[in-house]
Amino acid sequence: MTKQEIRDIIKAEKSALSNTEIIHYSDVITKQFLKDEAYNHCNTLFCYMAFNQEVITVNIIQNALESGKTVAIPKVMGDVIRFYQIQATNGLKPGTLGILEPELGDEVIPLEENKNLMIVPGLAFDLEKNRIGYGKGYYDRYFAEYKEISYEKIAFAYEFQLFDSIPSDPMDVKIDRIITPSRVIK
């Protein structure tokens, strides 16, 4: 299958999820993640705002803020994303793609001296930790820009988003771990 065929399949599967299922699976993944050593030791969390049936991240963001972590949310700016620090989620506004984004403020970049952790969105993943995004390349370009900085990249996925193998290109950046409701792919 091509990347676009996989995207189409996953979008259809996601749109079939009920709100109850999304909330349930998101709660299970959130509980696993909040116990994660990488999360508990990070001081800077880069995290997406859930959109279009993605695993809900607002409780993770709230926990990170309450724990005193720096929380950075992406904002689309032309063909790139930049991450901006937030103090709460109630000031976010729909951006170009309809995803909640921060207003311009303090940009957060992954610095080597920080313990950085990024939660990466995606449509499909495989057992080799390859990722298919939405097709715009925002995250792959961001990873390439900061390839010299160490930070862990974790993805959340429903079981149907996980494949044995998916197509990947040389510029595609692998995820370090994938957390689903029933397992963690390391």
N, C-alpha and C. Protein backbone atom coordinates (compact mmCIF):
# COMPACT_ATOMS: atom_id res chain seq x y z
N MET A 1 0.83 -1.19 0.00
CA MET A 1 0.00 0.00 0.00
C MET A 1 0.87 1.25 0.00
N THR A 2 0.35 2.30 -0.59
CA THR A 2 1.05 3.58 -0.58
C THR A 2 0.75 4.32 0.72
N LYS A 3 1.54 5.35 0.99
CA LYS A 3 1.27 6.17 2.17
C LYS A 3 -0.14 6.75 2.11
N GLN A 4 -0.54 7.23 0.94
CA GLN A 4 -1.87 7.85 0.83
C GLN A 4 -2.98 6.82 1.05
N GLU A 5 -2.80 5.60 0.55
CA GLU A 5 -3.81 4.56 0.79
C GLU A 5 -3.92 4.26 2.28
N ILE A 6 -2.78 4.21 2.97
CA ILE A 6 -2.80 3.98 4.41
C ILE A 6 -3.48 5.14 5.13
N ARG A 7 -3.15 6.37 4.72
CA ARG A 7 -3.81 7.54 5.32
C ARG A 7 -5.32 7.44 5.18
N ASP A 8 -5.78 7.09 3.99
CA ASP A 8 -7.23 6.99 3.74
C ASP A 8 -7.88 5.93 4.62
N ILE A 9 -7.23 4.78 4.76
CA ILE A 9 -7.76 3.71 5.60
C ILE A 9 -7.86 4.17 7.06
N ILE A 10 -6.79 4.78 7.56
CA ILE A 10 -6.76 5.21 8.97
C ILE A 10 -7.76 6.32 9.22
N LYS A 11 -7.87 7.25 8.30
CA LYS A 11 -8.86 8.33 8.48
C LYS A 11 -10.27 7.75 8.58
N ALA A 12 -10.57 6.75 7.76
CA ALA A 12 -11.89 6.11 7.82
C ALA A 12 -12.09 5.39 9.15
N GLU A 13 -11.05 4.67 9.61
CA GLU A 13 -11.14 3.97 10.91
C GLU A 13 -11.34 4.96 12.05
N LYS A 14 -10.58 6.06 12.01
CA LYS A 14 -10.70 7.06 13.07
C LYS A 14 -12.08 7.70 13.09
N SER A 15 -12.61 7.98 11.92
CA SER A 15 -13.92 8.64 11.88
C SER A 15 -15.03 7.71 12.37
N ALA A 16 -14.77 6.39 12.39
CA ALA A 16 -15.76 5.44 12.90
C ALA A 16 -15.73 5.33 14.43
N LEU A 17 -14.71 5.88 15.07
CA LEU A 17 -14.62 5.82 16.53
C LEU A 17 -15.70 6.70 17.16
N SER A 18 -16.30 6.20 18.22
CA SER A 18 -17.26 7.02 18.97
C SER A 18 -16.48 7.90 19.94
N ASN A 19 -17.12 8.96 20.42
CA ASN A 19 -16.48 9.82 21.43
C ASN A 19 -16.14 9.02 22.68
N THR A 20 -17.00 8.09 23.05
CA THR A 20 -16.76 7.24 24.22
C THR A 20 -15.49 6.41 24.03
N GLU A 21 -15.31 5.84 22.84
CA GLU A 21 -14.10 5.06 22.55
C GLU A 21 -12.85 5.93 22.59
N ILE A 22 -12.93 7.11 21.98
CA ILE A 22 -11.77 8.01 21.97
C ILE A 22 -11.38 8.38 23.40
N ILE A 23 -12.35 8.73 24.21
CA ILE A 23 -12.07 9.09 25.61
C ILE A 23 -11.49 7.90 26.37
N HIS A 24 -12.07 6.73 26.19
CA HIS A 24 -11.58 5.53 26.90
C HIS A 24 -10.14 5.21 26.51
N TYR A 25 -9.87 5.11 25.21
CA TYR A 25 -8.51 4.78 24.76
C TYR A 25 -7.52 5.86 25.17
N SER A 26 -7.94 7.11 25.08
CA SER A 26 -7.07 8.22 25.49
C SER A 26 -6.74 8.13 26.98
N ASP A 27 -7.72 7.79 27.80
CA ASP A 27 -7.48 7.65 29.25
C ASP A 27 -6.50 6.52 29.54
N VAL A 28 -6.64 5.40 28.84
CA VAL A 28 -5.73 4.26 29.05
C VAL A 28 -4.30 4.66 28.67
N ILE A 29 -4.14 5.30 27.52
CA ILE A 29 -2.82 5.73 27.07
C ILE A 29 -2.24 6.79 28.00
N THR A 30 -3.07 7.73 28.44
CA THR A 30 -2.62 8.78 29.36
C THR A 30 -2.09 8.18 30.65
N LYS A 31 -2.81 7.23 31.21
CA LYS A 31 -2.36 6.58 32.47
C LYS A 31 -1.02 5.90 32.28
N GLN A 32 -0.83 5.21 31.15
CA GLN A 32 0.46 4.58 30.87
C GLN A 32 1.56 5.63 30.76
N PHE A 33 1.27 6.69 30.03
CA PHE A 33 2.27 7.72 29.76
C PHE A 33 2.68 8.46 31.04
N LEU A 34 1.73 8.77 31.90
CA LEU A 34 2.05 9.53 33.11
C LEU A 34 2.93 8.75 34.07
N LYS A 35 2.98 7.43 33.92
CA LYS A 35 3.89 6.60 34.74
C LYS A 35 5.25 6.42 34.08
N ASP A 36 5.38 6.90 32.84
CA ASP A 36 6.58 6.68 32.05
C ASP A 36 7.78 7.44 32.63
N GLU A 37 8.90 6.77 32.68
CA GLU A 37 10.12 7.36 33.23
C GLU A 37 10.57 8.59 32.43
N ALA A 38 10.48 8.51 31.11
CA ALA A 38 10.89 9.65 30.28
C ALA A 38 10.03 10.87 30.57
N TYR A 39 8.73 10.67 30.76
CA TYR A 39 7.86 11.79 31.09
C TYR A 39 8.21 12.35 32.47
N ASN A 40 8.36 11.49 33.43
CA ASN A 40 8.61 11.95 34.79
C ASN A 40 9.95 12.65 34.95
N HIS A 41 10.91 12.35 34.07
CA HIS A 41 12.22 12.99 34.16
C HIS A 41 12.41 14.16 33.21
N CYS A 42 11.46 14.39 32.30
CA CYS A 42 11.62 15.50 31.37
C CYS A 42 11.29 16.82 32.07
N ASN A 43 11.91 17.89 31.60
CA ASN A 43 11.51 19.20 32.12
C ASN A 43 10.87 20.04 31.02
N THR A 44 10.96 19.60 29.75
CA THR A 44 10.31 20.29 28.65
C THR A 44 9.51 19.27 27.84
N LEU A 45 8.20 19.50 27.75
CA LEU A 45 7.31 18.61 27.02
C LEU A 45 6.78 19.35 25.80
N PHE A 46 7.09 18.81 24.62
CA PHE A 46 6.55 19.30 23.36
C PHE A 46 5.36 18.39 23.05
N CYS A 47 4.18 18.96 22.89
CA CYS A 47 2.98 18.12 22.76
C CYS A 47 1.98 18.74 21.80
N TYR A 48 1.37 17.91 20.98
CA TYR A 48 0.32 18.36 20.08
C TYR A 48 -1.00 18.51 20.83
N MET A 49 -1.89 19.30 20.28
CA MET A 49 -3.27 19.38 20.75
C MET A 49 -4.08 18.43 19.87
N ALA A 50 -4.82 17.54 20.50
CA ALA A 50 -5.58 16.53 19.74
C ALA A 50 -6.56 17.19 18.77
N PHE A 51 -6.67 16.57 17.61
CA PHE A 51 -7.52 17.07 16.54
C PHE A 51 -8.01 15.88 15.73
N ASN A 52 -9.26 15.92 15.32
CA ASN A 52 -9.75 14.94 14.35
C ASN A 52 -9.58 13.50 14.84
N GLN A 53 -10.11 13.18 15.98
CA GLN A 53 -10.12 11.85 16.60
C GLN A 53 -8.74 11.34 17.04
N GLU A 54 -7.77 12.23 17.21
CA GLU A 54 -6.47 11.80 17.73
C GLU A 54 -6.60 11.47 19.21
N VAL A 55 -5.61 10.75 19.73
CA VAL A 55 -5.57 10.48 21.17
C VAL A 55 -5.53 11.83 21.88
N ILE A 56 -6.41 12.01 22.84
CA ILE A 56 -6.56 13.28 23.55
C ILE A 56 -5.36 13.51 24.46
N THR A 57 -4.79 14.72 24.38
CA THR A 57 -3.58 15.03 25.14
C THR A 57 -3.80 16.08 26.23
N VAL A 58 -4.98 16.65 26.34
CA VAL A 58 -5.19 17.78 27.25
C VAL A 58 -4.89 17.41 28.71
N ASN A 59 -5.20 16.19 29.14
CA ASN A 59 -4.92 15.80 30.53
C ASN A 59 -3.41 15.67 30.78
N ILE A 60 -2.69 15.24 29.78
CA ILE A 60 -1.22 15.17 29.88
C ILE A 60 -0.64 16.58 29.98
N ILE A 61 -1.15 17.46 29.14
CA ILE A 61 -0.68 18.85 29.18
C ILE A 61 -0.97 19.47 30.54
N GLN A 62 -2.16 19.25 31.05
CA GLN A 62 -2.53 19.80 32.36
C GLN A 62 -1.63 19.24 33.45
N ASN A 63 -1.37 17.94 33.42
CA ASN A 63 -0.49 17.32 34.41
C ASN A 63 0.91 17.91 34.34
N ALA A 64 1.41 18.09 33.12
CA ALA A 64 2.75 18.65 32.95
C ALA A 64 2.83 20.07 33.48
N LEU A 65 1.81 20.88 33.21
CA LEU A 65 1.78 22.25 33.72
C LEU A 65 1.76 22.26 35.25
N GLU A 66 0.92 21.40 35.83
CA GLU A 66 0.82 21.31 37.29
C GLU A 66 2.11 20.80 37.92
N SER A 67 2.88 20.02 37.16
CA SER A 67 4.15 19.48 37.65
C SER A 67 5.31 20.45 37.46
N GLY A 68 5.05 21.62 36.91
CA GLY A 68 6.09 22.62 36.73
C GLY A 68 6.96 22.42 35.50
N LYS A 69 6.52 21.58 34.58
CA LYS A 69 7.28 21.37 33.34
C LYS A 69 7.00 22.51 32.37
N THR A 70 7.96 22.80 31.52
CA THR A 70 7.71 23.72 30.41
C THR A 70 6.92 22.94 29.37
N VAL A 71 5.79 23.49 28.94
CA VAL A 71 4.95 22.83 27.95
C VAL A 71 4.93 23.70 26.70
N ALA A 72 5.24 23.07 25.57
CA ALA A 72 5.29 23.77 24.29
C ALA A 72 4.34 23.11 23.30
N ILE A 73 3.51 23.93 22.67
CA ILE A 73 2.49 23.47 21.73
C ILE A 73 2.84 24.01 20.34
N PRO A 74 2.64 23.20 19.28
CA PRO A 74 3.03 23.67 17.94
C PRO A 74 2.07 24.69 17.35
N LYS A 75 2.64 25.55 16.52
CA LYS A 75 1.89 26.51 15.73
C LYS A 75 2.42 26.41 14.31
N VAL A 76 1.52 26.25 13.34
CA VAL A 76 1.90 26.19 11.93
C VAL A 76 2.17 27.62 11.46
N MET A 77 3.35 27.79 10.85
CA MET A 77 3.74 29.09 10.32
C MET A 77 4.27 28.88 8.91
N GLY A 78 3.38 29.01 7.95
CA GLY A 78 3.76 28.72 6.57
C GLY A 78 3.94 27.22 6.39
N ASP A 79 5.16 26.81 6.01
CA ASP A 79 5.40 25.37 5.81
C ASP A 79 6.23 24.77 6.94
N VAL A 80 6.31 25.46 8.08
CA VAL A 80 7.03 24.94 9.24
C VAL A 80 6.16 25.02 10.48
N ILE A 81 6.58 24.26 11.50
CA ILE A 81 5.95 24.42 12.81
C ILE A 81 6.99 24.98 13.76
N ARG A 82 6.50 25.75 14.69
CA ARG A 82 7.30 26.26 15.80
C ARG A 82 6.52 25.95 17.06
N PHE A 83 7.23 25.77 18.15
CA PHE A 83 6.58 25.44 19.42
C PHE A 83 6.66 26.64 20.36
N TYR A 84 5.53 26.93 21.01
CA TYR A 84 5.45 28.07 21.92
C TYR A 84 4.99 27.60 23.29
N GLN A 85 5.58 28.20 24.31
CA GLN A 85 5.24 27.84 25.69
C GLN A 85 3.83 28.32 26.02
N ILE A 86 3.12 27.46 26.75
CA ILE A 86 1.80 27.84 27.24
C ILE A 86 1.79 27.71 28.76
N GLN A 87 0.89 28.45 29.37
CA GLN A 87 0.67 28.36 30.82
C GLN A 87 -0.65 27.67 31.12
N ALA A 88 -1.54 27.60 30.13
CA ALA A 88 -2.85 26.97 30.26
C ALA A 88 -3.36 26.67 28.86
N THR A 89 -4.35 25.80 28.77
CA THR A 89 -4.89 25.45 27.46
C THR A 89 -6.07 26.33 27.06
N ASN A 90 -6.59 27.13 27.98
CA ASN A 90 -7.79 27.91 27.65
C ASN A 90 -7.52 29.12 26.77
N GLY A 91 -6.26 29.48 26.52
CA GLY A 91 -5.96 30.62 25.66
C GLY A 91 -5.62 30.23 24.23
N LEU A 92 -5.76 28.97 23.89
CA LEU A 92 -5.41 28.51 22.54
C LEU A 92 -6.54 28.85 21.57
N LYS A 93 -6.15 29.12 20.33
CA LYS A 93 -7.11 29.49 19.28
C LYS A 93 -6.93 28.57 18.07
N PRO A 94 -8.03 28.30 17.33
CA PRO A 94 -7.88 27.48 16.12
C PRO A 94 -6.93 28.15 15.12
N GLY A 95 -5.99 27.35 14.59
CA GLY A 95 -5.02 27.86 13.62
C GLY A 95 -5.44 27.56 12.21
N THR A 96 -4.47 27.63 11.31
CA THR A 96 -4.70 27.44 9.89
C THR A 96 -5.44 26.14 9.58
N LEU A 97 -5.07 25.07 10.25
CA LEU A 97 -5.68 23.76 9.98
C LEU A 97 -6.87 23.47 10.89
N GLY A 98 -7.26 24.45 11.72
CA GLY A 98 -8.36 24.25 12.66
C GLY A 98 -7.91 23.63 13.97
N ILE A 99 -6.62 23.39 14.12
CA ILE A 99 -6.06 22.80 15.34
C ILE A 99 -5.79 23.93 16.33
N LEU A 100 -6.10 23.69 17.61
CA LEU A 100 -5.83 24.71 18.62
C LEU A 100 -4.33 24.98 18.70
N GLU A 101 -3.97 26.26 18.65
CA GLU A 101 -2.57 26.69 18.67
C GLU A 101 -2.39 27.83 19.66
N PRO A 102 -1.17 28.00 20.16
CA PRO A 102 -0.90 29.14 21.03
C PRO A 102 -0.76 30.42 20.21
N GLU A 103 -0.99 31.53 20.88
CA GLU A 103 -0.66 32.82 20.28
C GLU A 103 0.86 32.88 20.25
N LEU A 104 1.41 33.79 19.48
CA LEU A 104 2.86 33.96 19.51
C LEU A 104 3.27 34.38 20.91
N GLY A 105 4.38 33.88 21.35
CA GLY A 105 4.88 34.18 22.68
C GLY A 105 6.30 33.72 22.76
N ASP A 106 6.63 33.03 23.85
CA ASP A 106 7.99 32.52 24.03
C ASP A 106 8.16 31.23 23.24
N GLU A 107 9.00 31.28 22.20
CA GLU A 107 9.28 30.07 21.44
C GLU A 107 10.16 29.15 22.27
N VAL A 108 9.85 27.87 22.23
CA VAL A 108 10.63 26.86 22.95
C VAL A 108 11.32 26.01 21.89
N ILE A 109 12.63 25.90 22.01
CA ILE A 109 13.36 25.01 21.12
C ILE A 109 14.03 23.93 21.97
N PRO A 110 14.23 22.74 21.42
CA PRO A 110 14.86 21.69 22.20
C PRO A 110 16.34 21.99 22.41
N LEU A 111 16.70 22.31 23.63
CA LEU A 111 18.10 22.58 23.97
C LEU A 111 18.73 21.32 24.55
N GLU A 112 19.99 21.10 24.22
CA GLU A 112 20.69 19.88 24.66
C GLU A 112 20.69 19.74 26.18
N GLU A 113 20.80 20.87 26.90
CA GLU A 113 20.88 20.78 28.36
C GLU A 113 19.53 20.47 29.02
N ASN A 114 18.45 20.57 28.27
CA ASN A 114 17.13 20.23 28.81
C ASN A 114 16.84 18.75 28.62
N LYS A 115 15.94 18.24 29.42
CA LYS A 115 15.45 16.88 29.22
C LYS A 115 14.16 17.02 28.42
N ASN A 116 14.31 16.92 27.10
CA ASN A 116 13.21 17.17 26.16
C ASN A 116 12.45 15.88 25.85
N LEU A 117 11.15 16.01 25.75
CA LEU A 117 10.30 14.89 25.36
C LEU A 117 9.25 15.44 24.40
N MET A 118 9.07 14.77 23.26
CA MET A 118 8.08 15.22 22.29
C MET A 118 7.06 14.14 22.03
N ILE A 119 5.79 14.51 22.15
CA ILE A 119 4.69 13.63 21.76
C ILE A 119 4.34 14.01 20.33
N VAL A 120 4.48 13.04 19.44
CA VAL A 120 4.38 13.29 18.00
C VAL A 120 3.07 12.70 17.46
N PRO A 121 2.28 13.51 16.76
CA PRO A 121 1.07 12.95 16.15
C PRO A 121 1.41 12.16 14.89
N GLY A 122 0.48 11.35 14.46
CA GLY A 122 0.66 10.60 13.22
C GLY A 122 -0.58 9.81 12.90
N LEU A 123 -0.65 9.34 11.68
CA LEU A 123 -1.79 8.52 11.26
C LEU A 123 -1.49 7.03 11.35
N ALA A 124 -0.26 6.64 11.03
CA ALA A 124 0.08 5.22 11.03
C ALA A 124 1.52 5.04 11.48
N PHE A 125 1.76 3.88 12.08
CA PHE A 125 3.09 3.55 12.61
C PHE A 125 3.34 2.08 12.34
N ASP A 126 4.61 1.67 12.37
CA ASP A 126 4.88 0.24 12.23
C ASP A 126 5.80 -0.23 13.35
N LEU A 127 6.07 -1.53 13.35
CA LEU A 127 6.85 -2.15 14.42
C LEU A 127 8.31 -1.70 14.41
N GLU A 128 8.76 -1.11 13.29
CA GLU A 128 10.11 -0.55 13.22
C GLU A 128 10.13 0.92 13.64
N LYS A 129 8.98 1.41 14.08
CA LYS A 129 8.78 2.77 14.58
C LYS A 129 8.82 3.84 13.48
N ASN A 130 8.49 3.41 12.27
CA ASN A 130 8.29 4.38 11.20
C ASN A 130 6.93 5.05 11.41
N ARG A 131 6.78 6.24 10.84
CA ARG A 131 5.58 7.03 11.05
C ARG A 131 5.10 7.60 9.73
N ILE A 132 3.79 7.58 9.54
CA ILE A 132 3.17 8.30 8.43
C ILE A 132 2.34 9.41 9.07
N GLY A 133 2.66 10.64 8.71
CA GLY A 133 1.92 11.79 9.22
C GLY A 133 0.79 12.14 8.27
N TYR A 134 0.40 13.39 8.33
CA TYR A 134 -0.73 13.84 7.53
C TYR A 134 -0.31 14.28 6.12
N GLY A 135 0.99 14.24 5.83
CA GLY A 135 1.45 14.49 4.47
C GLY A 135 2.07 15.86 4.23
N LYS A 136 2.11 16.70 5.23
CA LYS A 136 2.67 18.05 5.05
C LYS A 136 4.15 18.12 5.41
N GLY A 137 4.67 17.13 6.16
CA GLY A 137 6.09 17.08 6.48
C GLY A 137 6.54 18.01 7.59
N TYR A 138 5.61 18.61 8.32
CA TYR A 138 5.98 19.57 9.37
C TYR A 138 6.95 18.97 10.39
N TYR A 139 6.60 17.81 10.92
CA TYR A 139 7.43 17.22 11.98
C TYR A 139 8.76 16.72 11.45
N ASP A 140 8.78 16.11 10.27
CA ASP A 140 10.05 15.64 9.71
C ASP A 140 11.01 16.80 9.47
N ARG A 141 10.49 17.94 8.98
CA ARG A 141 11.36 19.12 8.81
C ARG A 141 11.84 19.63 10.16
N TYR A 142 10.96 19.61 11.16
CA TYR A 142 11.37 20.07 12.49
C TYR A 142 12.45 19.16 13.06
N PHE A 143 12.26 17.86 12.94
CA PHE A 143 13.28 16.90 13.43
C PHE A 143 14.61 17.12 12.71
N ALA A 144 14.57 17.37 11.42
CA ALA A 144 15.80 17.60 10.66
C ALA A 144 16.50 18.87 11.14
N GLU A 145 15.72 19.88 11.46
CA GLU A 145 16.28 21.14 11.93
C GLU A 145 17.03 20.98 13.26
N TYR A 146 16.52 20.10 14.12
CA TYR A 146 17.12 19.91 15.44
C TYR A 146 17.70 18.51 15.61
N LYS A 147 18.26 17.96 14.54
CA LYS A 147 18.76 16.58 14.58
C LYS A 147 19.95 16.40 15.51
N GLU A 148 20.65 17.47 15.84
CA GLU A 148 21.81 17.37 16.73
C GLU A 148 21.42 17.38 18.21
N ILE A 149 20.16 17.66 18.49
CA ILE A 149 19.68 17.75 19.87
C ILE A 149 19.03 16.42 20.25
N SER A 150 19.32 15.94 21.45
CA SER A 150 18.70 14.68 21.87
C SER A 150 17.36 14.96 22.57
N TYR A 151 16.37 14.32 22.09
CA TYR A 151 15.06 14.34 22.74
C TYR A 151 14.31 13.08 22.31
N GLU A 152 13.53 12.57 23.23
CA GLU A 152 12.78 11.35 22.93
C GLU A 152 11.47 11.71 22.24
N LYS A 153 11.13 10.93 21.22
CA LYS A 153 9.92 11.12 20.45
C LYS A 153 8.98 9.94 20.72
N ILE A 154 7.83 10.25 21.28
CA ILE A 154 6.84 9.22 21.61
C ILE A 154 5.56 9.51 20.82
N ALA A 155 4.96 8.46 20.29
CA ALA A 155 3.69 8.59 19.58
C ALA A 155 2.63 7.79 20.31
N PHE A 156 1.41 8.30 20.26
CA PHE A 156 0.24 7.60 20.79
C PHE A 156 -0.55 7.07 19.60
N ALA A 157 -1.06 5.85 19.71
CA ALA A 157 -1.80 5.29 18.58
C ALA A 157 -2.87 4.33 19.07
N TYR A 158 -3.97 4.30 18.34
CA TYR A 158 -4.96 3.25 18.52
C TYR A 158 -4.38 1.99 17.86
N GLU A 159 -4.85 0.84 18.27
CA GLU A 159 -4.31 -0.42 17.73
C GLU A 159 -4.38 -0.48 16.21
N PHE A 160 -5.46 0.02 15.62
CA PHE A 160 -5.61 -0.07 14.16
C PHE A 160 -4.63 0.84 13.41
N GLN A 161 -3.94 1.73 14.12
CA GLN A 161 -2.95 2.59 13.47
C GLN A 161 -1.58 1.92 13.38
N LEU A 162 -1.44 0.76 13.96
CA LEU A 162 -0.16 0.06 14.01
C LEU A 162 -0.13 -1.05 12.96
N PHE A 163 0.89 -1.00 12.10
CA PHE A 163 1.07 -1.98 11.01
C PHE A 163 2.37 -2.74 11.24
N ASP A 164 2.49 -3.91 10.63
CA ASP A 164 3.76 -4.63 10.67
C ASP A 164 4.83 -3.82 9.96
N SER A 165 4.46 -3.23 8.81
CA SER A 165 5.41 -2.44 8.03
C SER A 165 4.65 -1.40 7.23
N ILE A 166 5.22 -0.19 7.12
CA ILE A 166 4.65 0.86 6.29
C ILE A 166 5.77 1.45 5.43
N PRO A 167 5.41 2.07 4.31
CA PRO A 167 6.45 2.68 3.47
C PRO A 167 7.13 3.84 4.21
N SER A 168 8.43 3.99 3.98
CA SER A 168 9.14 5.13 4.57
C SER A 168 10.14 5.66 3.55
N ASP A 169 10.42 6.94 3.68
CA ASP A 169 11.37 7.62 2.81
C ASP A 169 12.60 7.98 3.63
N PRO A 170 13.73 8.27 2.97
CA PRO A 170 14.95 8.62 3.71
C PRO A 170 14.79 9.82 4.65
N MET A 171 13.91 10.79 4.31
CA MET A 171 13.76 11.96 5.16
C MET A 171 12.80 11.72 6.32
N ASP A 172 12.11 10.58 6.34
CA ASP A 172 11.19 10.26 7.44
C ASP A 172 11.99 9.93 8.70
N VAL A 173 11.59 10.52 9.80
CA VAL A 173 12.27 10.30 11.08
C VAL A 173 11.47 9.29 11.90
N LYS A 174 12.18 8.32 12.43
CA LYS A 174 11.53 7.29 13.24
C LYS A 174 11.17 7.83 14.63
N ILE A 175 10.16 7.22 15.20
CA ILE A 175 9.73 7.52 16.57
C ILE A 175 10.53 6.61 17.49
N ASP A 176 10.78 7.06 18.72
CA ASP A 176 11.51 6.23 19.67
C ASP A 176 10.63 5.17 20.33
N ARG A 177 9.38 5.55 20.61
CA ARG A 177 8.43 4.61 21.21
C ARG A 177 7.02 4.93 20.77
N ILE A 178 6.19 3.91 20.73
CA ILE A 178 4.77 4.06 20.39
C ILE A 178 3.97 3.45 21.53
N ILE A 179 3.03 4.22 22.05
CA ILE A 179 2.18 3.72 23.14
C ILE A 179 0.77 3.55 22.59
N THR A 180 0.24 2.34 22.70
CA THR A 180 -1.14 2.05 22.32
C THR A 180 -1.89 1.68 23.61
N PRO A 181 -3.20 1.48 23.53
CA PRO A 181 -3.92 1.09 24.75
C PRO A 181 -3.45 -0.24 25.34
N SER A 182 -2.84 -1.12 24.54
CA SER A 182 -2.48 -2.44 25.06
C SER A 182 -0.99 -2.74 25.12
N ARG A 183 -0.14 -1.88 24.54
CA ARG A 183 1.29 -2.19 24.54
C ARG A 183 2.14 -0.96 24.24
N VAL A 184 3.42 -1.14 24.47
CA VAL A 184 4.40 -0.10 24.17
C VAL A 184 5.42 -0.73 23.21
N ILE A 185 5.63 -0.09 22.07
CA ILE A 185 6.60 -0.55 21.08
C ILE A 185 7.88 0.24 21.33
N LYS A 186 8.93 -0.48 21.72
CA LYS A 186 10.23 0.18 22.02
C LYS A 186 11.23 -0.11 20.95
